[in-house]
N, C-alpha and C. Protein backbone atom coordinates (compact mmCIF):
# COMPACT_ATOMS: atom_id res chain seq x y z
N UNK A 1 -87.96 -58.13 -47.79
CA UNK A 1 -89.03 -57.14 -47.41
C UNK A 1 -89.03 -56.14 -48.70
N UNK A 2 -87.93 -55.66 -48.83
CA UNK A 2 -87.73 -54.65 -49.76
C UNK A 2 -88.55 -54.86 -51.08
N UNK A 3 -88.38 -56.19 -51.70
CA UNK A 3 -89.02 -56.50 -52.85
C UNK A 3 -90.75 -56.61 -52.79
N UNK A 4 -91.17 -57.13 -51.58
CA UNK A 4 -92.44 -57.10 -51.25
C UNK A 4 -92.94 -55.93 -51.37
N UNK A 5 -92.42 -54.82 -50.59
CA UNK A 5 -92.68 -53.47 -50.52
C UNK A 5 -92.99 -52.90 -52.20
N UNK A 6 -91.82 -53.24 -52.81
CA UNK A 6 -91.74 -52.78 -54.25
C UNK A 6 -93.00 -53.39 -55.03
N UNK A 7 -93.13 -54.64 -55.00
CA UNK A 7 -94.23 -55.48 -55.59
C UNK A 7 -95.33 -54.80 -55.31
N UNK A 8 -95.50 -54.39 -54.12
CA UNK A 8 -96.89 -53.69 -53.80
C UNK A 8 -97.12 -52.19 -54.17
N UNK A 9 -96.10 -51.71 -54.55
CA UNK A 9 -96.03 -50.38 -54.85
C UNK A 9 -95.92 -49.39 -53.74
N UNK A 10 -95.57 -49.92 -52.59
CA UNK A 10 -95.37 -49.08 -51.20
C UNK A 10 -94.11 -47.95 -51.43
N UNK A 11 -94.20 -46.75 -51.15
CA UNK A 11 -93.16 -45.83 -50.89
C UNK A 11 -92.03 -46.04 -50.11
N UNK A 12 -92.39 -47.09 -49.15
CA UNK A 12 -91.41 -47.43 -48.12
C UNK A 12 -90.17 -48.22 -48.92
N UNK A 13 -90.52 -48.98 -49.89
CA UNK A 13 -89.59 -49.57 -50.80
C UNK A 13 -88.22 -49.03 -51.08
N UNK A 14 -88.31 -47.70 -51.15
CA UNK A 14 -87.22 -46.81 -51.66
C UNK A 14 -86.73 -46.02 -50.37
N UNK A 15 -87.34 -46.10 -49.40
CA UNK A 15 -86.90 -45.17 -48.18
C UNK A 15 -85.52 -46.01 -47.56
N UNK A 16 -84.70 -44.95 -47.03
CA UNK A 16 -83.65 -45.40 -46.52
C UNK A 16 -84.02 -46.53 -45.09
N UNK A 17 -83.03 -47.51 -44.50
CA UNK A 17 -83.32 -48.16 -43.46
C UNK A 17 -83.18 -47.24 -42.30
N UNK A 18 -83.92 -47.53 -41.36
CA UNK A 18 -83.67 -46.79 -40.02
C UNK A 18 -82.55 -47.57 -39.12
N UNK A 19 -81.71 -46.49 -38.88
CA UNK A 19 -80.41 -46.87 -38.09
C UNK A 19 -80.13 -46.25 -36.68
N UNK A 20 -81.22 -45.69 -36.23
CA UNK A 20 -80.92 -44.94 -35.22
C UNK A 20 -80.67 -45.95 -33.84
N UNK A 21 -80.40 -45.32 -32.72
CA UNK A 21 -80.24 -45.92 -31.38
C UNK A 21 -81.07 -46.83 -30.97
N UNK A 22 -82.44 -46.53 -31.47
CA UNK A 22 -83.48 -47.27 -30.94
C UNK A 22 -83.31 -48.75 -31.53
N UNK A 23 -82.84 -49.04 -32.43
CA UNK A 23 -82.60 -50.23 -33.02
C UNK A 23 -81.54 -51.08 -32.59
N UNK A 24 -80.76 -50.84 -31.42
CA UNK A 24 -79.82 -51.47 -31.13
C UNK A 24 -80.24 -52.88 -30.30
N UNK A 25 -81.60 -52.78 -30.08
CA UNK A 25 -82.50 -53.99 -29.34
C UNK A 25 -82.28 -54.08 -27.81
N UNK A 26 -82.58 -55.22 -27.20
CA UNK A 26 -82.60 -55.19 -25.67
C UNK A 26 -81.49 -54.98 -25.06
N UNK A 27 -81.10 -53.84 -25.04
CA UNK A 27 -79.61 -53.35 -24.37
C UNK A 27 -79.78 -52.32 -23.37
N UNK A 28 -78.89 -51.81 -22.59
CA UNK A 28 -78.87 -50.73 -21.66
C UNK A 28 -78.28 -49.74 -22.61
N UNK A 29 -78.98 -48.50 -22.83
CA UNK A 29 -78.46 -47.64 -23.48
C UNK A 29 -76.92 -46.96 -23.12
N UNK A 30 -77.04 -46.78 -21.68
CA UNK A 30 -75.71 -46.22 -21.10
C UNK A 30 -74.66 -47.20 -21.42
N UNK A 31 -74.90 -48.36 -21.05
CA UNK A 31 -73.71 -49.41 -21.31
C UNK A 31 -73.33 -49.52 -22.80
N UNK A 32 -74.26 -49.34 -23.83
CA UNK A 32 -74.03 -49.77 -25.07
C UNK A 32 -73.35 -48.34 -25.57
N UNK A 33 -73.62 -47.13 -25.16
CA UNK A 33 -73.03 -45.93 -25.61
C UNK A 33 -71.71 -45.74 -25.10
N UNK A 34 -71.45 -46.11 -23.78
CA UNK A 34 -70.03 -46.15 -23.10
C UNK A 34 -69.08 -46.84 -23.72
N UNK A 35 -69.52 -47.85 -24.52
CA UNK A 35 -68.44 -48.89 -25.44
C UNK A 35 -67.96 -48.02 -26.44
N UNK A 36 -68.89 -46.89 -26.72
CA UNK A 36 -68.27 -46.28 -27.92
C UNK A 36 -67.89 -45.02 -28.15
N UNK A 37 -68.57 -44.26 -26.86
CA UNK A 37 -68.26 -42.72 -26.67
C UNK A 37 -67.76 -42.51 -25.31
N UNK A 38 -66.65 -41.59 -25.32
CA UNK A 38 -66.01 -41.65 -23.94
C UNK A 38 -66.80 -40.49 -23.28
N UNK A 39 -67.02 -40.73 -21.70
CA UNK A 39 -67.85 -40.46 -20.86
C UNK A 39 -67.28 -38.79 -20.83
N UNK A 40 -68.13 -37.74 -20.62
CA UNK A 40 -67.77 -36.28 -20.56
C UNK A 40 -68.44 -35.87 -19.27
N UNK A 41 -67.99 -36.03 -18.05
CA UNK A 41 -68.81 -35.50 -17.05
C UNK A 41 -69.00 -34.03 -16.81
N UNK A 42 -70.09 -33.62 -16.46
CA UNK A 42 -70.33 -32.06 -16.25
C UNK A 42 -71.29 -31.77 -15.21
N UNK A 43 -71.42 -30.32 -15.03
CA UNK A 43 -72.45 -29.91 -14.04
C UNK A 43 -73.66 -30.18 -14.35
N UNK A 44 -74.72 -30.51 -13.22
CA UNK A 44 -76.14 -30.38 -13.28
C UNK A 44 -76.46 -29.14 -12.50
N UNK A 45 -77.19 -28.14 -13.17
CA UNK A 45 -77.47 -27.00 -12.64
C UNK A 45 -78.97 -26.72 -12.76
N UNK A 46 -79.60 -26.09 -11.58
CA UNK A 46 -81.12 -25.95 -11.57
C UNK A 46 -81.40 -24.60 -12.56
N UNK A 47 -82.47 -24.64 -12.91
CA UNK A 47 -82.99 -23.23 -13.83
C UNK A 47 -82.49 -22.04 -13.07
N UNK A 48 -82.53 -22.12 -11.67
CA UNK A 48 -81.96 -21.11 -11.00
C UNK A 48 -80.73 -20.68 -10.93
N UNK A 49 -79.76 -21.82 -11.51
CA UNK A 49 -78.43 -21.70 -11.55
C UNK A 49 -77.51 -22.04 -10.40
N UNK A 50 -78.10 -22.99 -9.68
CA UNK A 50 -77.66 -23.71 -8.54
C UNK A 50 -76.93 -24.96 -8.98
N UNK A 51 -75.85 -25.16 -8.66
CA UNK A 51 -75.07 -26.58 -9.06
C UNK A 51 -75.57 -27.59 -7.87
N UNK A 52 -76.03 -28.67 -8.58
CA UNK A 52 -76.72 -29.66 -7.47
C UNK A 52 -76.15 -30.99 -7.74
N UNK A 53 -75.10 -31.12 -8.64
CA UNK A 53 -74.88 -32.45 -8.91
C UNK A 53 -74.19 -32.58 -9.99
N UNK A 54 -73.61 -33.77 -10.64
CA UNK A 54 -72.68 -34.13 -11.87
C UNK A 54 -73.16 -35.15 -12.71
N UNK A 55 -73.23 -34.92 -14.06
CA UNK A 55 -73.63 -35.99 -14.97
C UNK A 55 -72.46 -36.67 -15.38
N UNK A 56 -72.81 -37.80 -16.02
CA UNK A 56 -71.83 -38.55 -16.69
C UNK A 56 -71.42 -38.45 -18.15
N UNK A 57 -72.38 -37.58 -18.74
CA UNK A 57 -72.30 -37.24 -20.19
C UNK A 57 -73.88 -37.00 -20.70
N UNK A 58 -73.86 -35.79 -21.50
CA UNK A 58 -75.20 -35.20 -21.76
C UNK A 58 -75.83 -36.16 -22.64
N UNK A 59 -75.11 -37.21 -23.37
CA UNK A 59 -75.58 -38.09 -24.31
C UNK A 59 -76.39 -39.09 -23.63
N UNK A 60 -76.38 -39.14 -22.25
CA UNK A 60 -77.00 -40.10 -21.46
C UNK A 60 -78.47 -39.67 -21.04
N UNK A 61 -78.61 -38.39 -21.55
CA UNK A 61 -80.09 -37.62 -20.95
C UNK A 61 -80.79 -37.25 -22.01
N UNK A 62 -82.08 -37.06 -21.87
CA UNK A 62 -83.02 -36.74 -22.63
C UNK A 62 -84.13 -35.74 -22.24
N UNK A 63 -84.52 -34.65 -22.77
CA UNK A 63 -85.59 -33.72 -22.39
C UNK A 63 -86.52 -34.46 -21.79
N UNK A 64 -87.02 -34.07 -20.58
CA UNK A 64 -88.13 -34.75 -19.86
C UNK A 64 -87.87 -35.81 -19.03
N UNK A 65 -86.30 -36.22 -19.07
CA UNK A 65 -86.27 -37.43 -18.28
C UNK A 65 -86.06 -37.09 -16.91
N UNK A 66 -86.61 -38.09 -15.98
CA UNK A 66 -86.74 -37.87 -14.60
C UNK A 66 -85.87 -38.73 -13.76
N UNK A 67 -85.66 -40.26 -14.33
CA UNK A 67 -84.83 -41.15 -13.63
C UNK A 67 -83.46 -41.20 -14.05
N UNK A 68 -82.64 -41.68 -13.09
CA UNK A 68 -81.36 -41.70 -13.51
C UNK A 68 -80.39 -40.48 -13.35
N UNK A 69 -80.84 -39.35 -12.84
CA UNK A 69 -80.30 -38.11 -12.46
C UNK A 69 -79.27 -38.41 -11.54
N UNK A 70 -79.52 -39.02 -10.65
CA UNK A 70 -78.30 -39.11 -9.50
C UNK A 70 -78.60 -37.80 -8.50
N UNK A 71 -79.53 -37.22 -8.50
CA UNK A 71 -79.43 -35.96 -7.78
C UNK A 71 -80.44 -35.90 -6.51
N UNK A 72 -81.56 -36.70 -6.62
CA UNK A 72 -82.37 -37.03 -5.34
C UNK A 72 -82.73 -35.64 -4.66
N UNK A 73 -83.29 -35.94 -3.62
CA UNK A 73 -83.58 -34.87 -2.70
C UNK A 73 -84.59 -34.00 -3.31
N UNK A 74 -85.00 -32.81 -2.44
CA UNK A 74 -85.64 -31.83 -2.91
C UNK A 74 -85.03 -30.36 -2.68
N UNK A 75 -85.71 -29.46 -3.42
CA UNK A 75 -85.03 -28.04 -2.98
C UNK A 75 -86.42 -27.07 -2.47
N UNK A 76 -86.08 -26.37 -1.46
CA UNK A 76 -87.25 -25.43 -0.86
C UNK A 76 -88.17 -26.30 -0.34
N UNK A 77 -88.18 -27.49 0.09
CA UNK A 77 -89.14 -28.34 0.71
C UNK A 77 -90.23 -29.00 -0.09
N UNK A 78 -90.12 -28.88 -1.58
CA UNK A 78 -91.24 -29.34 -2.37
C UNK A 78 -90.87 -30.73 -2.66
N UNK A 79 -91.79 -31.43 -2.70
CA UNK A 79 -91.57 -32.92 -3.30
C UNK A 79 -91.58 -33.23 -4.70
N UNK A 80 -91.64 -32.35 -5.39
CA UNK A 80 -91.76 -32.56 -6.87
C UNK A 80 -90.28 -33.17 -7.39
N UNK A 81 -90.40 -34.09 -8.27
CA UNK A 81 -89.20 -34.75 -8.89
C UNK A 81 -88.25 -33.79 -9.68
N UNK A 82 -87.18 -33.99 -9.99
CA UNK A 82 -86.18 -33.10 -10.95
C UNK A 82 -86.59 -33.70 -12.40
N UNK A 83 -86.56 -32.82 -13.36
CA UNK A 83 -86.51 -33.29 -14.74
C UNK A 83 -85.67 -32.49 -15.57
N UNK A 84 -84.97 -33.24 -16.57
CA UNK A 84 -84.24 -32.34 -17.42
C UNK A 84 -84.93 -31.40 -18.17
N UNK A 85 -84.75 -30.40 -18.41
CA UNK A 85 -85.28 -29.20 -19.24
C UNK A 85 -84.67 -28.73 -20.22
N UNK A 86 -83.17 -28.94 -20.32
CA UNK A 86 -82.40 -28.40 -21.33
C UNK A 86 -80.99 -28.87 -21.39
N UNK A 87 -80.06 -28.76 -22.11
CA UNK A 87 -79.01 -29.29 -22.22
C UNK A 87 -78.15 -28.14 -22.75
N UNK A 88 -76.95 -27.69 -22.24
CA UNK A 88 -76.05 -26.59 -22.82
C UNK A 88 -74.97 -27.33 -23.09
N UNK A 89 -74.97 -27.85 -24.71
CA UNK A 89 -74.03 -28.37 -25.12
C UNK A 89 -72.68 -27.99 -25.23
N UNK A 90 -72.61 -26.75 -25.49
CA UNK A 90 -71.29 -25.87 -25.57
C UNK A 90 -70.36 -25.88 -24.24
N UNK A 91 -71.24 -25.92 -23.10
CA UNK A 91 -70.60 -25.75 -21.72
C UNK A 91 -70.76 -27.15 -20.98
N UNK A 92 -71.40 -28.10 -21.71
CA UNK A 92 -71.56 -29.37 -20.84
C UNK A 92 -72.40 -29.34 -19.74
N UNK A 93 -73.28 -28.60 -19.71
CA UNK A 93 -74.17 -28.53 -18.55
C UNK A 93 -75.50 -29.14 -18.90
N UNK A 94 -75.95 -29.89 -17.72
CA UNK A 94 -77.42 -30.44 -17.74
C UNK A 94 -78.17 -29.47 -16.83
N UNK A 95 -79.36 -29.00 -17.53
CA UNK A 95 -80.17 -28.08 -16.70
C UNK A 95 -81.40 -28.76 -16.33
N UNK A 96 -81.85 -28.71 -15.12
CA UNK A 96 -82.96 -29.26 -14.47
C UNK A 96 -83.92 -28.39 -13.69
N UNK A 97 -85.26 -28.98 -13.62
CA UNK A 97 -86.13 -28.35 -12.79
C UNK A 97 -87.02 -29.18 -12.21
N UNK A 98 -87.64 -28.56 -11.23
CA UNK A 98 -88.72 -29.29 -10.27
C UNK A 98 -90.12 -29.52 -10.87
N UNK A 99 -90.71 -30.52 -11.14
CA UNK A 99 -92.09 -30.74 -11.75
C UNK A 99 -92.34 -31.06 -13.02
N UNK A 100 -93.11 -31.81 -13.29
CA UNK A 100 -93.40 -32.26 -14.63
C UNK A 100 -94.06 -31.08 -15.66
N UNK A 101 -94.70 -30.13 -15.06
CA UNK A 101 -95.18 -28.99 -15.83
C UNK A 101 -94.31 -27.91 -15.51
N UNK A 102 -93.11 -27.71 -15.03
CA UNK A 102 -92.18 -26.53 -15.18
C UNK A 102 -92.42 -25.99 -16.62
N UNK A 103 -92.39 -24.63 -16.55
CA UNK A 103 -92.46 -23.82 -17.75
C UNK A 103 -91.30 -24.26 -18.78
N UNK A 104 -90.46 -24.40 -18.15
CA UNK A 104 -89.02 -24.71 -19.24
C UNK A 104 -89.33 -25.94 -19.75
N UNK A 105 -89.96 -26.83 -19.14
CA UNK A 105 -90.20 -28.21 -19.87
C UNK A 105 -91.23 -28.10 -21.11
N UNK A 106 -92.11 -27.07 -20.78
CA UNK A 106 -92.99 -26.81 -21.91
C UNK A 106 -92.96 -26.37 -23.17
N UNK A 107 -93.63 -26.89 -24.24
CA UNK A 107 -93.73 -26.57 -25.66
C UNK A 107 -94.82 -26.13 -25.86
N UNK A 108 -95.21 -24.93 -26.84
CA UNK A 108 -96.37 -24.64 -27.59
C UNK A 108 -96.65 -25.40 -28.94
N UNK A 109 -95.40 -25.92 -29.34
CA UNK A 109 -95.41 -26.55 -30.70
C UNK A 109 -94.06 -27.06 -31.01
N UNK A 110 -93.92 -27.27 -32.30
CA UNK A 110 -92.65 -27.92 -32.94
C UNK A 110 -92.55 -27.59 -34.36
N UNK A 111 -91.52 -27.96 -34.76
CA UNK A 111 -91.08 -27.88 -36.31
C UNK A 111 -90.71 -29.29 -36.51
N UNK A 112 -91.25 -29.77 -37.66
CA UNK A 112 -91.18 -31.16 -38.11
C UNK A 112 -90.33 -31.28 -39.32
N UNK A 113 -89.61 -32.02 -39.52
CA UNK A 113 -88.89 -32.34 -41.12
C UNK A 113 -88.97 -33.77 -41.59
N UNK A 114 -88.22 -34.01 -42.50
CA UNK A 114 -88.33 -35.53 -43.03
C UNK A 114 -89.81 -36.19 -42.94
N UNK A 115 -90.71 -35.46 -43.68
CA UNK A 115 -92.05 -35.74 -43.59
C UNK A 115 -92.45 -36.85 -44.41
N UNK A 116 -93.39 -37.66 -44.07
CA UNK A 116 -94.02 -38.89 -44.93
C UNK A 116 -95.41 -38.70 -44.63
N UNK A 117 -96.13 -38.57 -45.76
CA UNK A 117 -97.70 -38.46 -45.59
C UNK A 117 -98.17 -39.82 -46.37
N UNK A 118 -99.11 -40.48 -45.71
CA UNK A 118 -99.73 -41.87 -45.97
C UNK A 118 -100.24 -41.79 -47.37
N UNK A 119 -100.86 -40.53 -47.68
CA UNK A 119 -101.51 -40.52 -49.10
C UNK A 119 -100.49 -40.18 -50.11
N UNK A 120 -99.10 -39.83 -49.70
CA UNK A 120 -98.04 -39.55 -50.60
C UNK A 120 -98.27 -38.30 -51.49
N UNK A 121 -99.12 -37.30 -51.00
CA UNK A 121 -99.22 -36.21 -51.62
C UNK A 121 -98.50 -35.14 -50.55
N UNK A 122 -97.66 -34.23 -51.39
CA UNK A 122 -97.05 -33.33 -50.42
C UNK A 122 -98.12 -32.61 -49.63
N UNK A 123 -97.85 -32.05 -48.42
CA UNK A 123 -98.80 -31.12 -47.74
C UNK A 123 -98.44 -30.00 -47.90
N UNK A 124 -99.62 -29.09 -48.34
CA UNK A 124 -99.58 -27.78 -48.29
C UNK A 124 -100.71 -27.09 -47.78
N UNK A 125 -100.50 -25.65 -47.15
CA UNK A 125 -101.74 -25.41 -46.55
C UNK A 125 -101.87 -25.42 -44.85
N UNK A 126 -102.87 -25.59 -44.52
CA UNK A 126 -103.09 -25.74 -42.81
C UNK A 126 -104.14 -26.68 -42.70
N UNK A 127 -104.04 -27.62 -41.52
CA UNK A 127 -105.14 -28.45 -41.21
C UNK A 127 -104.97 -28.67 -39.59
N UNK A 128 -106.41 -29.01 -39.09
CA UNK A 128 -106.49 -29.46 -37.55
C UNK A 128 -106.32 -30.92 -37.56
N UNK A 129 -105.96 -31.46 -36.92
CA UNK A 129 -105.47 -33.05 -36.49
C UNK A 129 -104.94 -33.15 -35.09
N UNK A 130 -104.62 -34.42 -34.73
CA UNK A 130 -103.89 -34.62 -33.54
C UNK A 130 -102.55 -35.12 -33.88
N UNK A 131 -101.66 -35.02 -32.81
CA UNK A 131 -100.29 -35.36 -32.97
C UNK A 131 -99.83 -36.23 -31.76
N UNK A 132 -98.98 -37.19 -32.01
CA UNK A 132 -98.22 -37.84 -30.81
C UNK A 132 -96.86 -37.44 -31.07
N UNK A 133 -96.18 -37.23 -29.87
CA UNK A 133 -94.81 -36.99 -29.82
C UNK A 133 -93.89 -37.98 -28.96
N UNK A 134 -94.80 -38.73 -28.16
CA UNK A 134 -94.17 -39.95 -27.42
C UNK A 134 -95.10 -41.45 -27.48
N UNK A 135 -94.35 -42.44 -27.32
CA UNK A 135 -95.17 -43.72 -27.34
C UNK A 135 -96.09 -43.62 -26.34
N UNK A 136 -97.42 -44.02 -26.73
CA UNK A 136 -98.81 -44.22 -25.85
C UNK A 136 -98.88 -42.92 -25.31
N UNK A 137 -98.84 -41.85 -25.85
CA UNK A 137 -99.33 -40.70 -25.49
C UNK A 137 -100.76 -40.36 -25.99
N UNK A 138 -101.53 -39.77 -25.26
CA UNK A 138 -102.77 -39.29 -25.61
C UNK A 138 -102.78 -38.23 -26.80
N UNK A 139 -103.58 -38.28 -27.68
CA UNK A 139 -103.80 -37.48 -28.73
C UNK A 139 -103.77 -35.91 -28.38
N UNK A 140 -102.92 -35.00 -28.99
CA UNK A 140 -102.62 -33.83 -28.75
C UNK A 140 -103.53 -33.01 -29.84
N UNK A 141 -104.58 -32.20 -29.50
CA UNK A 141 -104.97 -31.42 -30.69
C UNK A 141 -103.98 -30.40 -31.04
N UNK A 142 -104.09 -30.04 -32.44
CA UNK A 142 -103.18 -29.05 -32.95
C UNK A 142 -103.57 -28.50 -34.24
N UNK A 143 -102.82 -27.67 -34.63
CA UNK A 143 -102.86 -27.04 -36.10
C UNK A 143 -101.69 -27.13 -36.53
N UNK A 144 -101.68 -27.80 -37.86
CA UNK A 144 -100.55 -27.92 -38.65
C UNK A 144 -100.42 -27.17 -39.82
N UNK A 145 -99.20 -26.42 -40.17
CA UNK A 145 -99.10 -25.24 -41.08
C UNK A 145 -97.84 -25.90 -41.83
N UNK A 146 -97.90 -25.75 -43.30
CA UNK A 146 -96.78 -26.29 -44.17
C UNK A 146 -95.72 -25.08 -44.06
N UNK A 147 -94.49 -25.08 -43.78
CA UNK A 147 -93.80 -23.86 -43.92
C UNK A 147 -92.87 -24.08 -45.26
N UNK A 148 -92.59 -25.27 -45.87
CA UNK A 148 -92.07 -25.41 -47.08
C UNK A 148 -92.46 -26.92 -47.62
N UNK A 149 -91.94 -27.38 -48.82
CA UNK A 149 -92.11 -28.89 -48.96
C UNK A 149 -91.38 -29.64 -47.98
N UNK A 150 -90.58 -29.29 -47.15
CA UNK A 150 -89.85 -30.43 -46.34
C UNK A 150 -90.23 -30.12 -44.68
N UNK A 151 -91.02 -28.91 -44.49
CA UNK A 151 -91.00 -28.79 -43.04
C UNK A 151 -92.48 -28.27 -42.75
N UNK A 152 -92.87 -28.53 -41.55
CA UNK A 152 -94.13 -27.97 -41.11
C UNK A 152 -94.08 -27.31 -39.63
N UNK A 153 -94.90 -26.52 -39.30
CA UNK A 153 -94.93 -25.97 -37.95
C UNK A 153 -96.24 -26.59 -37.61
N UNK A 154 -96.12 -27.12 -36.29
CA UNK A 154 -97.39 -27.67 -35.44
C UNK A 154 -97.42 -26.83 -34.15
N UNK A 155 -98.66 -26.34 -34.06
CA UNK A 155 -99.04 -25.61 -32.99
C UNK A 155 -100.24 -26.17 -32.02
N UNK A 156 -99.56 -26.57 -30.69
CA UNK A 156 -100.72 -27.49 -29.81
C UNK A 156 -101.70 -26.20 -29.29
N UNK A 157 -102.99 -27.12 -29.01
CA UNK A 157 -103.98 -26.03 -28.37
C UNK A 157 -103.57 -25.89 -27.09
N UNK A 158 -102.97 -26.70 -26.53
CA UNK A 158 -102.53 -26.58 -24.84
C UNK A 158 -100.94 -26.94 -24.93
N UNK A 159 -100.21 -26.24 -24.00
CA UNK A 159 -98.50 -26.59 -24.01
C UNK A 159 -98.65 -28.19 -23.63
N UNK A 160 -97.49 -28.67 -24.11
CA UNK A 160 -97.11 -30.02 -23.93
C UNK A 160 -95.86 -30.07 -23.57
N UNK A 161 -95.51 -31.12 -22.44
CA UNK A 161 -94.28 -31.26 -21.76
C UNK A 161 -93.46 -32.24 -22.65
N UNK A 162 -92.03 -32.05 -22.43
CA UNK A 162 -90.96 -32.93 -23.01
C UNK A 162 -90.91 -33.16 -24.51
N UNK A 163 -91.36 -32.12 -25.29
CA UNK A 163 -91.39 -32.62 -26.69
C UNK A 163 -89.77 -32.44 -27.43
N UNK A 164 -89.22 -33.52 -27.75
CA UNK A 164 -87.77 -33.76 -27.90
C UNK A 164 -87.22 -33.84 -29.46
N UNK A 165 -86.60 -32.97 -29.78
CA UNK A 165 -85.90 -32.94 -31.31
C UNK A 165 -85.22 -34.37 -31.33
N UNK A 166 -85.43 -34.96 -32.55
CA UNK A 166 -84.98 -36.11 -32.88
C UNK A 166 -85.84 -37.15 -32.75
N UNK A 167 -87.07 -36.93 -32.23
CA UNK A 167 -88.07 -38.03 -31.98
C UNK A 167 -89.21 -37.76 -33.18
N UNK A 168 -90.02 -38.80 -33.23
CA UNK A 168 -91.16 -38.79 -34.33
C UNK A 168 -92.31 -37.94 -33.73
N UNK A 169 -92.98 -37.27 -34.61
CA UNK A 169 -94.37 -36.72 -34.41
C UNK A 169 -95.28 -37.51 -35.48
N UNK A 170 -96.23 -38.00 -34.80
CA UNK A 170 -97.11 -39.06 -35.99
C UNK A 170 -98.54 -38.15 -35.70
N UNK A 171 -99.13 -37.72 -36.95
CA UNK A 171 -100.47 -37.26 -37.07
C UNK A 171 -101.45 -38.12 -37.28
N UNK A 172 -102.78 -37.66 -36.69
CA UNK A 172 -103.87 -38.79 -36.75
C UNK A 172 -105.03 -37.70 -37.18
N UNK A 173 -106.19 -38.32 -37.88
CA UNK A 173 -107.43 -37.73 -37.82
C UNK A 173 -108.33 -39.09 -37.50
N UNK A 174 -108.63 -38.71 -36.10
CA UNK A 174 -109.26 -39.98 -35.24
C UNK A 174 -108.37 -41.02 -35.08
N UNK A 175 -109.10 -42.07 -35.76
CA UNK A 175 -107.97 -43.34 -35.77
C UNK A 175 -107.11 -43.52 -36.96
N UNK A 176 -107.17 -42.58 -37.85
CA UNK A 176 -106.48 -42.89 -39.15
C UNK A 176 -105.20 -41.99 -39.07
N UNK A 177 -104.19 -42.81 -39.50
CA UNK A 177 -102.77 -42.00 -39.28
C UNK A 177 -102.60 -41.40 -40.73
N UNK A 178 -102.46 -39.90 -40.54
CA UNK A 178 -102.15 -39.05 -41.93
C UNK A 178 -100.63 -39.22 -42.31
N UNK A 179 -99.93 -39.38 -41.42
CA UNK A 179 -98.29 -39.54 -41.63
C UNK A 179 -97.63 -38.98 -40.36
N UNK A 180 -96.31 -38.66 -40.68
CA UNK A 180 -95.36 -38.23 -39.79
C UNK A 180 -94.30 -37.79 -40.07
N UNK A 181 -93.29 -37.27 -39.13
CA UNK A 181 -92.11 -36.73 -39.39
C UNK A 181 -91.06 -36.45 -38.22
N UNK A 182 -89.77 -35.98 -38.45
CA UNK A 182 -88.79 -35.97 -37.26
C UNK A 182 -88.93 -34.49 -36.51
N UNK A 183 -89.05 -34.49 -35.37
CA UNK A 183 -89.06 -33.10 -34.71
C UNK A 183 -87.80 -32.48 -34.86
N UNK A 184 -87.56 -31.45 -35.39
CA UNK A 184 -86.43 -30.62 -35.62
C UNK A 184 -86.03 -29.73 -34.55
N UNK A 185 -87.29 -29.07 -33.97
CA UNK A 185 -87.00 -28.24 -32.85
C UNK A 185 -88.33 -28.17 -32.22
N UNK A 186 -88.14 -27.85 -30.95
CA UNK A 186 -89.69 -27.52 -30.01
C UNK A 186 -89.84 -26.03 -30.10
N UNK A 187 -90.89 -25.52 -29.94
CA UNK A 187 -91.19 -24.29 -29.75
C UNK A 187 -91.65 -23.88 -28.37
N UNK A 188 -90.69 -23.43 -27.52
CA UNK A 188 -90.83 -23.38 -26.17
C UNK A 188 -91.73 -22.42 -25.76
N UNK A 189 -92.46 -22.79 -24.56
CA UNK A 189 -93.40 -21.86 -23.98
C UNK A 189 -92.68 -20.56 -23.36
N UNK A 190 -93.35 -19.54 -23.94
CA UNK A 190 -92.33 -18.12 -23.55
C UNK A 190 -92.45 -17.89 -22.05
N UNK A 191 -91.30 -17.88 -21.44
CA UNK A 191 -91.04 -17.79 -19.89
C UNK A 191 -90.65 -16.24 -19.62
């Protein structure tokens, strides 16, 4: 494949191979990680500071995750499910809140790095486009601004739930893919 890409003059011919955990194939992530990394149980705490359970390791959870938290039930009579809204890595604490649109889960934008533009030109300046930060997500209208040659700031027109560092941000103009990058950090909704 590398040779074909090189013969066609594609920039991907010289790019590093993807080796992230997404490429482990059809396996259960928890089982796969458990073979190589020791579990480090810790507290599950609500955004209000109430301890409501125990997790088996922060590595098993991602921002916006709803299933597999093992905490069930409701708080204060609300029927809203629990979502991961943050991880306190230093203290090994998983922080959760109820509701998919809880303010702690929302972001007004993101910073992306490791950029690749389809036209191969470095991006400078500002542009309007749409972005996707998750698979099968609807287009999110945004403004993109170059911070430097390797990083951009993306500001959403409306707050977006569960923007996750380490995931891809892919930019479009209608149906045309402009390029993408890796989410370095999310810009949380001020609370």
